[in-house]
Amino acid sequence: MLRSIVEHVGGCGKGDVMEQVAWERTAIPSSAIRQIILEYVEAVMAFLSRPKDQRRFDEVERGVVGKVFALGRLFLAYFLAVREENSAADVGGLSRRAGRVSRARRRFVGTFFGRVRYWRAQLRPAQGKGIFPLDLSLRLPGDGFSMLVMSLCARLATLVSFDQVTALLVEFLSWSPSKTTVEKAVLGFGRYTSEWFDQAPAPEGDGEVLVIQVDSKATPTATESELQKRRGKRDPLRRAPSARHRGRLERQRRGPKLRRKKGDKSKNGKAATLVVMYTLKRSSDENGKPLLLGPIHRKVYASYAPKRHAFAIARRQADKRGFTRKSGKTIQIVTDGDPDLEQYCRDFFPEAIHTLDIMHALEYLWKAGRCLYKEGSQELADWVEEKTDLLYAGRIEKILNELQQRLDKLGMTIGQFGPIQKHGVVARKVPAIVLQQRKAVHVDLGVGRVDVNHVDRSGV
C-alpha cells in the first residue's frame, strides 16, 4: 500500500517515445503507423484481459495511464503523417515558385501526451532560410511545443512558481518543458493581454452594484548595494568545512548589516497597482432587511504601469459590464486614501461613490492617537478602541469634531499638518479626514459586511 502511495502516477519516463522507434531513422507511411496503432490497441486489451489475473486495481490503473499516453502520441503521429502525405501537391506547387524541395527532416513536438516524432519536407529557396510547409499549415510554434501545453504552463504559472509548474507537469504528464521555456511562454502570452481584455465578452448574470477596489503594492527588488555586489568581481570563496559553517562564512564575507531605522524596509520596492472588480446583487433576508449578495464575477488585474492605466482598465471593464457613466447604476470605489487614486477616481468615475476602506481608516485613527498619547500606552489603545466603535457605528462626525477640538488647542485645522509644537504637545502628523455625507451602502471591506458612511478623502 505504501508503495502505491509514493510511486509516480504519470506515464512512462520523460521523453520516452519507445512506441515511435519504427520511424526514428526515416519516415514511414501513415498506413504503417495505423497498423502500429491497431497492434498497440490489441496489446492494451491483452494487458487488461490476462487469464487468472491476480493484480490489484491500482497496478492496472497505473499501467493503463502509461499506455493511454503512448496511444495519444501514436494518434498524433498518425495525424501528422497523414497531413504530410496530403500536402505533397501543395509542396510541389510551392517548390516551382519558391525553391527546391530537400529531403524530409525529423522533428519532435512536445504535446500533452509527451514528445511526438514526425518527418516533414523542407522547402529551400535560392536565398534565405528554408521553410517547412507542414509546420506553417498546422501553425505549429517554433519552440517545439504545442499551444495546449504552453497555455497549460501559462495558466499554472499564474498560480505557482515556474519551478512548481515544471514539477507539477512531470508529476501528472511524466514530462515538462524547462523552467526557462515556461517563463518565456508567460512573457510571450503577456503581449496579448490587452487584446484579450478587449475581445473578452462581459460576464452574464452580473449584480446591480459594481465594487472596484484599487490599491498599490510594492514587490521586493534588489537594493543598490546588492546590485553592486552582484555586478562586481567575485571574491575567492573559502570552502566551508560543513553546512553549519557555510552561513558563518557568508556573513563574514558580506560584513555586518546596517541597522535599519524605524519604518525602513529591507528591500527596494517596485510599485504595482491592483484592481479588483466584482458586482453585488440586491436581495433581502426573511425580515425584509436589504442585503447585497456577492461577490459575483470577481476579476483581478495588476500592472506595473502608472496608476492612471489601472483606472483606464477599470473604466473600460465597467463600461463593458453595463456600468457606463449614464447608466445610473451604483459604482462603489474603495481605496486606501491615496490622493492620486482619489484624483483618478474623479477623472474616470465622476459618478461613483468613493469610499475609504475601513482598515486604512483604522490606521489613520492610530496615527492620530499617537499624536495625542504615548505609543504603546493603554490610554492610546483605549482611545482607538472607543473611536473604532464610533467608526463602525457610522458616527464619523463625532470623531471629526473631537479631532477638530484637539487641533483647535494647537492652533490647527483639519487638513493642516507638519511639525508643530505648542503647549508642550508635538503634533508630527495629524491625519485629515474630510467627510462628505452620502447614502450608506453595505460594502464588504475585508472585516465583514459593514454599514458605514462614506469617507471621501483622507491624507496624512
Protein backbone atom coordinates (compact mmCIF):
# COMPACT_ATOMS: atom_id res chain seq x y z
CA MET A 1 0.00 0.00 0.00
CA LEU A 2 2.82 2.43 0.89
CA ARG A 3 4.48 1.81 -2.45
CA SER A 4 1.27 2.61 -4.31
CA ILE A 5 1.04 5.94 -2.48
CA VAL A 6 4.57 7.23 -3.10
CA GLU A 7 5.08 5.90 -6.63
CA HIS A 8 4.99 8.25 -9.59
CA VAL A 9 1.47 8.49 -11.02
CA GLY A 10 2.34 9.71 -14.52
CA GLY A 11 3.01 7.67 -17.63
CA CYS A 12 6.40 6.49 -18.87
CA GLY A 13 9.55 8.44 -18.19
CA LYS A 14 10.17 11.92 -19.54
CA GLY A 15 10.91 11.89 -23.28
CA ASP A 16 10.06 8.20 -23.61
CA VAL A 17 9.00 7.55 -27.23
CA MET A 18 9.64 3.82 -27.46
CA GLU A 19 6.44 3.24 -29.42
CA GLN A 20 7.83 5.53 -32.18
CA VAL A 21 11.06 3.62 -32.82
CA ALA A 22 9.82 2.48 -36.26
CA TRP A 23 10.31 5.98 -37.73
CA GLU A 24 13.35 7.02 -35.73
CA ARG A 25 15.79 6.96 -38.66
CA THR A 26 13.50 7.56 -41.60
CA ALA A 27 9.91 8.46 -42.34
CA ILE A 28 7.31 5.71 -42.79
CA PRO A 29 3.89 5.94 -44.43
CA SER A 30 0.79 6.71 -42.37
CA SER A 31 -0.58 3.23 -43.15
CA ALA A 32 2.35 1.72 -41.25
CA ILE A 33 1.65 3.95 -38.23
CA ARG A 34 -2.01 2.95 -38.43
CA GLN A 35 -1.02 -0.71 -38.25
CA ILE A 36 1.19 0.01 -35.22
CA ILE A 37 -1.76 1.69 -33.51
CA LEU A 38 -4.01 -1.33 -34.13
CA GLU A 39 -1.35 -3.67 -32.76
CA TYR A 40 -0.85 -1.44 -29.73
CA VAL A 41 -4.59 -1.40 -29.01
CA GLU A 42 -4.60 -5.20 -29.13
CA ALA A 43 -1.66 -5.22 -26.71
CA VAL A 44 -3.60 -2.96 -24.34
CA MET A 45 -6.63 -5.25 -24.50
CA ALA A 46 -4.38 -8.23 -23.77
CA PHE A 47 -2.93 -6.32 -20.80
CA LEU A 48 -6.45 -5.83 -19.43
CA SER A 49 -7.70 -9.39 -20.02
CA ARG A 50 -5.00 -11.66 -18.66
CA PRO A 51 -6.26 -15.11 -17.62
CA LYS A 52 -6.23 -15.84 -13.88
CA ASP A 53 -5.34 -12.23 -13.16
CA GLN A 54 -4.35 -11.53 -9.54
CA ARG A 55 -3.26 -7.90 -9.97
CA ARG A 56 -4.61 -5.12 -7.82
CA PHE A 57 -6.72 -2.37 -9.40
CA ASP A 58 -4.05 0.21 -8.53
CA GLU A 59 -1.41 -1.71 -10.50
CA VAL A 60 -3.65 -1.98 -13.56
CA GLU A 61 -4.66 1.68 -13.39
CA ARG A 62 -1.05 2.82 -13.35
CA GLY A 63 -0.27 0.60 -16.33
CA VAL A 64 -3.25 1.93 -18.28
CA VAL A 65 -2.12 5.54 -17.73
CA GLY A 66 1.19 4.98 -19.50
CA LYS A 67 -0.43 3.04 -22.33
CA VAL A 68 -3.11 5.70 -22.90
CA PHE A 69 -0.41 8.38 -23.11
CA ALA A 70 1.50 6.23 -25.61
CA LEU A 71 -1.68 5.83 -27.67
CA GLY A 72 -2.13 9.59 -27.62
CA ARG A 73 1.36 10.05 -29.05
CA LEU A 74 0.66 7.44 -31.74
CA PHE A 75 -2.61 9.11 -32.73
CA LEU A 76 -0.90 12.48 -33.12
CA ALA A 77 1.99 10.94 -35.08
CA TYR A 78 -0.53 9.30 -37.42
CA PHE A 79 -2.31 12.63 -37.93
CA LEU A 80 0.98 14.38 -38.75
CA ALA A 81 1.94 11.65 -41.21
CA VAL A 82 -1.42 11.89 -42.98
CA ARG A 83 -1.17 15.66 -43.26
CA GLU A 84 2.36 15.40 -44.63
CA GLU A 85 1.25 12.96 -47.30
CA ASN A 86 -1.75 15.09 -48.25
CA SER A 87 0.39 18.23 -48.53
CA ALA A 88 2.73 16.77 -51.17
CA ALA A 89 0.87 18.50 -54.01
CA ASP A 90 0.99 21.87 -52.24
CA VAL A 91 4.70 21.49 -51.55
CA GLY A 92 5.33 20.70 -55.22
CA GLY A 93 3.48 23.82 -56.29
CA LEU A 94 5.44 25.97 -53.86
CA SER A 95 8.73 24.49 -54.99
CA ARG A 96 8.17 25.65 -58.57
CA ARG A 97 7.81 29.23 -57.32
CA ALA A 98 9.97 29.50 -54.20
CA GLY A 99 12.75 26.90 -54.46
CA ARG A 100 13.60 23.23 -54.36
CA VAL A 101 12.33 20.54 -52.01
CA SER A 102 15.04 18.95 -49.88
CA ARG A 103 14.88 15.62 -48.09
CA ALA A 104 12.45 15.19 -45.22
CA ARG A 105 13.71 16.29 -41.82
CA ARG A 106 12.82 14.91 -38.42
CA ARG A 107 11.33 16.97 -35.64
CA PHE A 108 9.93 16.49 -32.15
CA VAL A 109 6.92 18.40 -30.84
CA GLY A 110 6.05 18.41 -27.16
CA THR A 111 2.38 17.56 -26.69
CA PHE A 112 0.08 16.86 -23.76
CA PHE A 113 0.88 13.15 -24.16
CA GLY A 114 4.64 13.63 -24.50
CA ARG A 115 7.11 14.08 -27.33
CA VAL A 116 5.87 13.12 -30.80
CA ARG A 117 8.36 12.38 -33.58
CA TYR A 118 7.40 13.20 -37.16
CA TRP A 119 9.03 13.88 -40.54
CA ARG A 120 8.22 16.68 -42.95
CA ALA A 121 9.60 18.07 -46.19
CA GLN A 122 11.69 21.23 -46.24
CA LEU A 123 11.44 23.86 -48.93
CA ARG A 124 14.74 25.62 -49.58
CA PRO A 125 14.59 28.85 -51.61
CA ALA A 126 17.56 30.14 -53.58
CA GLN A 127 18.30 32.64 -50.79
CA GLY A 128 17.34 32.76 -47.14
CA LYS A 129 16.34 30.10 -44.67
CA GLY A 130 14.34 27.04 -45.52
CA ILE A 131 10.69 26.66 -44.55
CA PHE A 132 8.54 23.68 -43.60
CA PRO A 133 5.12 23.89 -45.29
CA LEU A 134 3.57 21.34 -42.91
CA ASP A 135 4.57 23.34 -39.83
CA LEU A 136 3.21 26.51 -41.41
CA SER A 137 -0.11 24.94 -42.41
CA LEU A 138 -0.60 23.45 -38.93
CA ARG A 139 0.63 26.64 -37.23
CA LEU A 140 2.99 24.71 -35.02
CA PRO A 141 5.02 27.04 -32.78
CA GLY A 142 8.72 27.28 -33.48
CA ASP A 143 9.72 26.45 -29.90
CA GLY A 144 8.72 22.80 -30.35
CA PHE A 145 5.73 22.68 -28.00
CA SER A 146 2.03 22.59 -28.75
CA MET A 147 -0.18 25.53 -27.85
CA LEU A 148 -2.14 23.29 -25.47
CA VAL A 149 0.99 22.57 -23.45
CA MET A 150 2.19 26.18 -23.38
CA SER A 151 -1.24 27.54 -22.44
CA LEU A 152 -1.37 24.98 -19.62
CA CYS A 153 2.06 26.13 -18.44
CA ALA A 154 1.00 29.78 -18.54
CA ARG A 155 -2.19 29.10 -16.58
CA LEU A 156 -0.31 27.16 -13.91
CA ALA A 157 2.32 29.91 -13.72
CA THR A 158 -0.38 32.33 -12.56
CA LEU A 159 -0.91 30.11 -9.51
CA VAL A 160 2.55 28.74 -8.61
CA SER A 161 6.22 29.45 -9.35
CA PHE A 162 7.94 28.32 -12.55
CA ASP A 163 9.75 25.59 -10.64
CA GLN A 164 6.46 24.27 -9.30
CA VAL A 165 4.93 24.37 -12.80
CA THR A 166 7.57 22.01 -14.16
CA ALA A 167 7.29 19.78 -11.09
CA LEU A 168 3.52 19.50 -11.45
CA LEU A 169 3.72 18.71 -15.16
CA VAL A 170 6.29 15.99 -14.57
CA GLU A 171 4.08 14.52 -11.85
CA PHE A 172 0.92 14.41 -13.96
CA LEU A 173 2.20 14.25 -17.56
CA SER A 174 5.55 12.49 -16.91
CA TRP A 175 7.40 15.27 -18.79
CA SER A 176 7.64 19.05 -18.82
CA PRO A 177 9.21 21.95 -20.73
CA SER A 178 12.12 23.61 -18.98
CA LYS A 179 11.64 26.40 -16.47
CA THR A 180 13.14 28.91 -18.93
CA THR A 181 10.69 27.83 -21.63
CA VAL A 182 7.76 28.29 -19.25
CA GLU A 183 8.97 31.76 -18.30
CA LYS A 184 9.37 32.82 -21.93
CA ALA A 185 5.92 31.46 -22.75
CA VAL A 186 4.33 33.52 -19.97
CA LEU A 187 6.10 36.66 -21.17
CA GLY A 188 5.12 35.90 -24.76
CA PHE A 189 1.45 35.40 -23.93
CA GLY A 190 1.58 38.63 -21.94
CA ARG A 191 1.86 40.58 -25.18
CA TYR A 192 -1.74 39.69 -25.97
CA THR A 193 -3.18 40.65 -22.58
CA SER A 194 -4.65 43.95 -23.71
CA GLU A 195 -6.11 42.40 -26.87
CA TRP A 196 -7.67 39.60 -24.81
CA PHE A 197 -9.29 42.07 -22.43
CA ASP A 198 -10.73 43.99 -25.39
CA GLN A 199 -12.23 40.90 -27.00
CA ALA A 200 -13.40 39.07 -23.87
CA PRO A 201 -17.19 39.23 -23.53
CA ALA A 202 -18.87 40.71 -20.47
CA PRO A 203 -19.86 38.14 -17.83
CA GLU A 204 -23.50 37.14 -17.70
CA GLY A 205 -25.69 37.44 -14.61
CA ASP A 206 -23.95 40.45 -13.06
CA GLY A 207 -25.31 42.19 -9.98
CA GLU A 208 -26.71 45.70 -9.68
CA VAL A 209 -23.82 47.26 -7.71
CA LEU A 210 -20.26 47.35 -9.06
CA VAL A 211 -17.46 47.43 -6.49
CA ILE A 212 -13.94 48.44 -7.56
CA GLN A 213 -11.07 48.12 -5.11
CA VAL A 214 -7.80 49.81 -6.09
CA ASP A 215 -4.55 49.60 -4.16
CA SER A 216 -0.82 49.85 -4.79
CA LYS A 217 1.60 47.21 -3.59
CA ALA A 218 5.38 47.05 -3.89
CA THR A 219 7.16 43.88 -4.96
CA PRO A 220 10.65 43.46 -3.45
CA THR A 221 13.60 44.30 -5.68
CA ALA A 222 17.32 44.26 -5.09
CA THR A 223 18.85 47.27 -3.36
CA GLU A 224 21.64 49.25 -4.95
CA SER A 225 24.22 47.71 -2.61
CA GLU A 226 23.04 44.20 -3.54
CA LEU A 227 23.26 45.02 -7.24
CA GLN A 228 26.75 46.40 -6.75
CA LYS A 229 27.84 43.14 -5.15
CA ARG A 230 26.38 41.12 -8.00
CA ARG A 231 27.96 43.28 -10.70
CA GLY A 232 31.39 43.41 -9.10
CA LYS A 233 34.18 40.92 -9.31
CA ARG A 234 33.61 37.87 -7.15
CA ASP A 235 35.95 37.28 -4.24
CA PRO A 236 37.60 33.87 -3.98
CA LEU A 237 35.43 31.84 -1.65
CA ARG A 238 36.72 29.64 1.09
CA ARG A 239 35.05 26.27 1.24
CA ALA A 240 33.12 25.71 4.46
CA PRO A 241 34.04 22.52 6.33
CA SER A 242 30.33 21.69 6.72
CA ALA A 243 26.87 23.07 6.04
CA ARG A 244 26.56 24.56 9.52
CA HIS A 245 29.66 26.72 8.89
CA ARG A 246 28.55 27.95 5.48
CA GLY A 247 26.32 30.68 6.84
CA ARG A 248 29.05 31.93 9.16
CA LEU A 249 31.49 32.29 6.27
CA GLU A 250 28.85 34.10 4.20
CA ARG A 251 28.23 36.62 7.00
CA GLN A 252 31.94 37.22 7.40
CA ARG A 253 32.30 37.80 3.67
CA ARG A 254 29.34 40.22 3.43
CA GLY A 255 30.21 42.11 6.60
CA PRO A 256 27.76 43.50 9.16
CA LYS A 257 24.40 44.84 8.01
CA LEU A 258 23.50 48.44 8.66
CA ARG A 259 20.84 48.76 11.33
CA ARG A 260 17.57 49.94 9.85
CA LYS A 261 15.66 52.82 11.33
CA LYS A 262 12.02 52.58 12.29
CA GLY A 263 9.86 52.37 9.18
CA ASP A 264 12.75 51.46 6.87
CA LYS A 265 12.29 48.47 4.62
CA SER A 266 14.86 45.79 3.93
CA LYS A 267 14.16 45.82 0.20
CA ASN A 268 13.50 48.32 -2.53
CA GLY A 269 10.01 48.09 -3.89
CA LYS A 270 8.62 48.42 -7.39
CA ALA A 271 5.03 49.62 -7.14
CA ALA A 272 2.30 47.64 -8.85
CA THR A 273 -1.33 48.77 -8.97
CA LEU A 274 -4.00 46.14 -8.35
CA VAL A 275 -7.64 46.42 -9.37
CA VAL A 276 -10.30 44.07 -8.02
CA MET A 277 -13.75 44.30 -9.61
CA TYR A 278 -16.91 42.42 -8.73
CA THR A 279 -20.63 43.04 -8.50
CA LEU A 280 -23.18 42.65 -5.71
CA LYS A 281 -26.76 41.51 -6.19
CA ARG A 282 -29.55 43.26 -4.31
CA SER A 283 -31.67 40.97 -2.16
CA SER A 284 -33.33 40.82 1.25
CA ASP A 285 -33.48 38.45 4.20
CA GLU A 286 -36.56 36.82 5.74
CA ASN A 287 -37.30 40.01 7.69
CA GLY A 288 -37.18 42.23 4.62
CA LYS A 289 -33.81 43.75 5.52
CA PRO A 290 -31.89 44.67 2.34
CA LEU A 291 -28.83 42.60 1.52
CA LEU A 292 -26.14 42.78 -1.11
CA LEU A 293 -25.04 39.28 -2.12
CA GLY A 294 -21.68 38.58 -3.67
CA PRO A 295 -19.03 38.91 -4.83
CA ILE A 296 -20.15 37.98 -8.34
CA HIS A 297 -17.72 37.59 -11.28
CA ARG A 298 -14.67 38.72 -9.37
CA LYS A 299 -11.84 39.90 -11.62
CA VAL A 300 -8.29 40.88 -10.59
CA TYR A 301 -5.91 43.00 -12.68
CA ALA A 302 -2.37 44.06 -11.76
CA SER A 303 0.19 46.12 -13.65
CA TYR A 304 3.46 47.93 -13.12
CA ALA A 305 2.16 50.69 -15.37
CA PRO A 306 1.20 54.07 -13.84
CA LYS A 307 -1.88 54.23 -11.62
CA ARG A 308 -3.80 56.07 -14.32
CA HIS A 309 -3.54 52.99 -16.55
CA ALA A 310 -5.23 50.86 -13.87
CA PHE A 311 -8.19 53.25 -13.75
CA ALA A 312 -8.40 53.27 -17.56
CA ILE A 313 -8.66 49.46 -17.47
CA ALA A 314 -11.30 49.66 -14.74
CA ARG A 315 -13.34 52.19 -16.74
CA ARG A 316 -13.21 50.00 -19.85
CA GLN A 317 -14.33 46.92 -17.91
CA ALA A 318 -17.08 48.84 -16.13
CA ASP A 319 -18.48 50.08 -19.45
CA LYS A 320 -18.35 46.56 -20.87
CA ARG A 321 -20.30 45.23 -17.89
CA GLY A 322 -23.02 47.83 -18.38
CA PHE A 323 -21.96 50.37 -15.74
CA THR A 324 -21.49 53.34 -18.07
CA ARG A 325 -21.49 56.93 -16.86
CA LYS A 326 -25.07 57.46 -17.97
CA SER A 327 -26.41 54.09 -16.87
CA GLY A 328 -27.48 55.33 -13.44
CA LYS A 329 -26.13 52.16 -11.79
CA THR A 330 -24.28 52.25 -8.48
CA ILE A 331 -20.49 52.10 -8.64
CA GLN A 332 -18.55 51.88 -5.38
CA ILE A 333 -14.78 52.54 -5.47
CA VAL A 334 -12.76 51.60 -2.40
CA THR A 335 -9.21 52.94 -1.96
CA ASP A 336 -6.71 53.45 0.83
CA GLY A 337 -6.90 57.25 0.75
CA ASP A 338 -4.08 57.78 -1.74
CA PRO A 339 -4.54 61.31 -3.22
CA ASP A 340 -3.53 60.07 -6.68
CA LEU A 341 -6.19 57.37 -6.60
CA GLU A 342 -8.72 59.95 -5.47
CA GLN A 343 -7.86 62.21 -8.40
CA TYR A 344 -8.09 59.40 -10.94
CA CYS A 345 -11.37 58.32 -9.38
CA ARG A 346 -12.79 61.78 -10.12
CA ASP A 347 -11.35 61.73 -13.64
CA PHE A 348 -12.60 58.29 -14.71
CA PHE A 349 -15.57 57.69 -12.37
CA PRO A 350 -17.15 61.05 -11.54
CA GLU A 351 -20.47 59.30 -10.90
CA ALA A 352 -19.04 56.74 -8.47
CA ILE A 353 -19.15 56.69 -4.66
CA HIS A 354 -15.59 56.91 -3.35
CA THR A 355 -15.02 55.11 -0.06
CA LEU A 356 -12.05 54.92 2.27
CA ASP A 357 -11.73 51.28 3.29
CA ILE A 358 -12.21 50.55 6.95
CA MET A 359 -8.76 49.11 7.64
CA HIS A 360 -6.94 52.22 6.43
CA ALA A 361 -9.36 54.39 8.36
CA LEU A 362 -8.30 52.49 11.47
CA GLU A 363 -4.66 53.08 10.58
CA TYR A 364 -5.34 56.82 10.45
CA LEU A 365 -7.03 56.62 13.84
CA TRP A 366 -3.92 55.01 15.29
CA LYS A 367 -1.73 57.71 13.72
CA ALA A 368 -3.94 60.41 15.20
CA GLY A 369 -3.91 58.70 18.58
CA ARG A 370 -0.11 58.52 18.61
CA CYS A 371 -0.05 62.29 18.27
CA LEU A 372 -2.08 62.56 21.48
CA TYR A 373 -0.89 59.67 23.64
CA LYS A 374 2.35 57.81 24.15
CA GLU A 375 2.93 54.97 21.71
CA GLY A 376 2.21 51.61 23.28
CA SER A 377 0.31 53.08 26.22
CA GLN A 378 -3.02 51.77 27.48
CA GLU A 379 -4.52 55.24 27.03
CA LEU A 380 -3.77 55.06 23.30
CA ALA A 381 -5.35 51.60 22.97
CA ASP A 382 -8.47 52.66 24.87
CA TRP A 383 -8.83 55.83 22.79
CA VAL A 384 -8.54 53.94 19.49
CA GLU A 385 -10.98 51.26 20.66
CA GLU A 386 -13.54 53.92 21.54
CA LYS A 387 -13.14 55.64 18.15
CA THR A 388 -13.30 52.30 16.33
CA ASP A 389 -16.72 51.60 17.85
CA LEU A 390 -17.87 55.03 16.68
CA LEU A 391 -16.49 54.39 13.20
CA TYR A 392 -18.33 51.09 12.84
CA ALA A 393 -21.49 52.76 14.10
CA GLY A 394 -21.19 55.39 11.35
CA ARG A 395 -20.72 58.29 13.81
CA ILE A 396 -17.81 59.82 11.91
CA GLU A 397 -18.93 63.39 12.61
CA LYS A 398 -18.33 62.85 16.32
CA ILE A 399 -14.79 61.60 15.61
CA LEU A 400 -14.08 64.61 13.39
CA ASN A 401 -15.46 67.06 15.95
CA GLU A 402 -13.22 65.66 18.66
CA LEU A 403 -10.18 65.78 16.38
CA GLN A 404 -11.00 69.37 15.49
CA GLN A 405 -11.30 70.30 19.15
CA ARG A 406 -7.88 68.78 19.78
CA LEU A 407 -6.46 70.69 16.83
CA ASP A 408 -8.05 73.97 17.99
CA LYS A 409 -5.95 73.74 21.13
CA LEU A 410 -2.88 73.52 18.89
CA GLY A 411 -3.97 76.33 16.60
CA MET A 412 -4.52 73.97 13.64
CA THR A 413 -7.40 72.97 11.41
CA ILE A 414 -8.17 69.66 9.73
CA GLY A 415 -6.07 69.48 6.62
CA GLN A 416 -3.01 71.16 8.15
CA PHE A 417 -0.09 69.02 9.14
CA GLY A 418 3.59 69.23 9.83
CA PRO A 419 5.90 69.54 12.82
CA ILE A 420 4.21 71.91 15.28
CA GLN A 421 4.97 72.26 18.96
CA LYS A 422 2.56 74.21 21.14
CA HIS A 423 1.62 73.97 24.82
CA GLY A 424 4.19 71.20 25.16
CA VAL A 425 2.41 68.91 22.67
CA VAL A 426 4.13 67.76 19.49
CA ALA A 427 1.81 67.09 16.53
CA ARG A 428 4.05 65.42 13.99
CA LYS A 429 1.48 64.16 11.53
CA VAL A 430 -2.21 64.59 12.10
CA PRO A 431 -4.43 62.57 9.75
CA ALA A 432 -7.01 64.67 7.96
CA ILE A 433 -10.37 63.05 7.23
CA VAL A 434 -12.88 65.09 5.27
CA LEU A 435 -16.36 63.61 5.29
CA GLN A 436 -18.97 64.03 2.57
CA GLN A 437 -22.42 62.81 3.59
CA ARG A 438 -23.83 60.26 1.21
CA LYS A 439 -26.28 57.44 1.38
CA ALA A 440 -24.86 54.47 3.30
CA VAL A 441 -24.21 51.33 1.28
CA HIS A 442 -23.22 47.90 2.58
CA VAL A 443 -19.72 47.18 1.31
CA ASP A 444 -17.50 44.20 2.04
CA LEU A 445 -14.38 45.87 3.40
CA GLY A 446 -12.44 42.82 4.45
CA VAL A 447 -13.83 42.70 8.01
CA GLY A 448 -17.36 41.56 7.34
CA ARG A 449 -20.31 43.46 5.97
CA VAL A 450 -20.25 46.92 7.48
CA ASP A 451 -22.77 49.74 7.19
CA VAL A 452 -20.68 52.91 7.24
CA ASN A 453 -20.88 56.45 5.91
CA HIS A 454 -18.54 57.07 3.04
CA VAL A 455 -15.27 58.85 3.67
CA ASP A 456 -14.35 60.76 0.54
CA ARG A 457 -10.83 61.87 1.21
CA SER A 458 -8.03 61.17 3.62
CA GLY A 459 -4.42 62.18 3.83
CA VAL A 460 -1.53 62.47 6.22
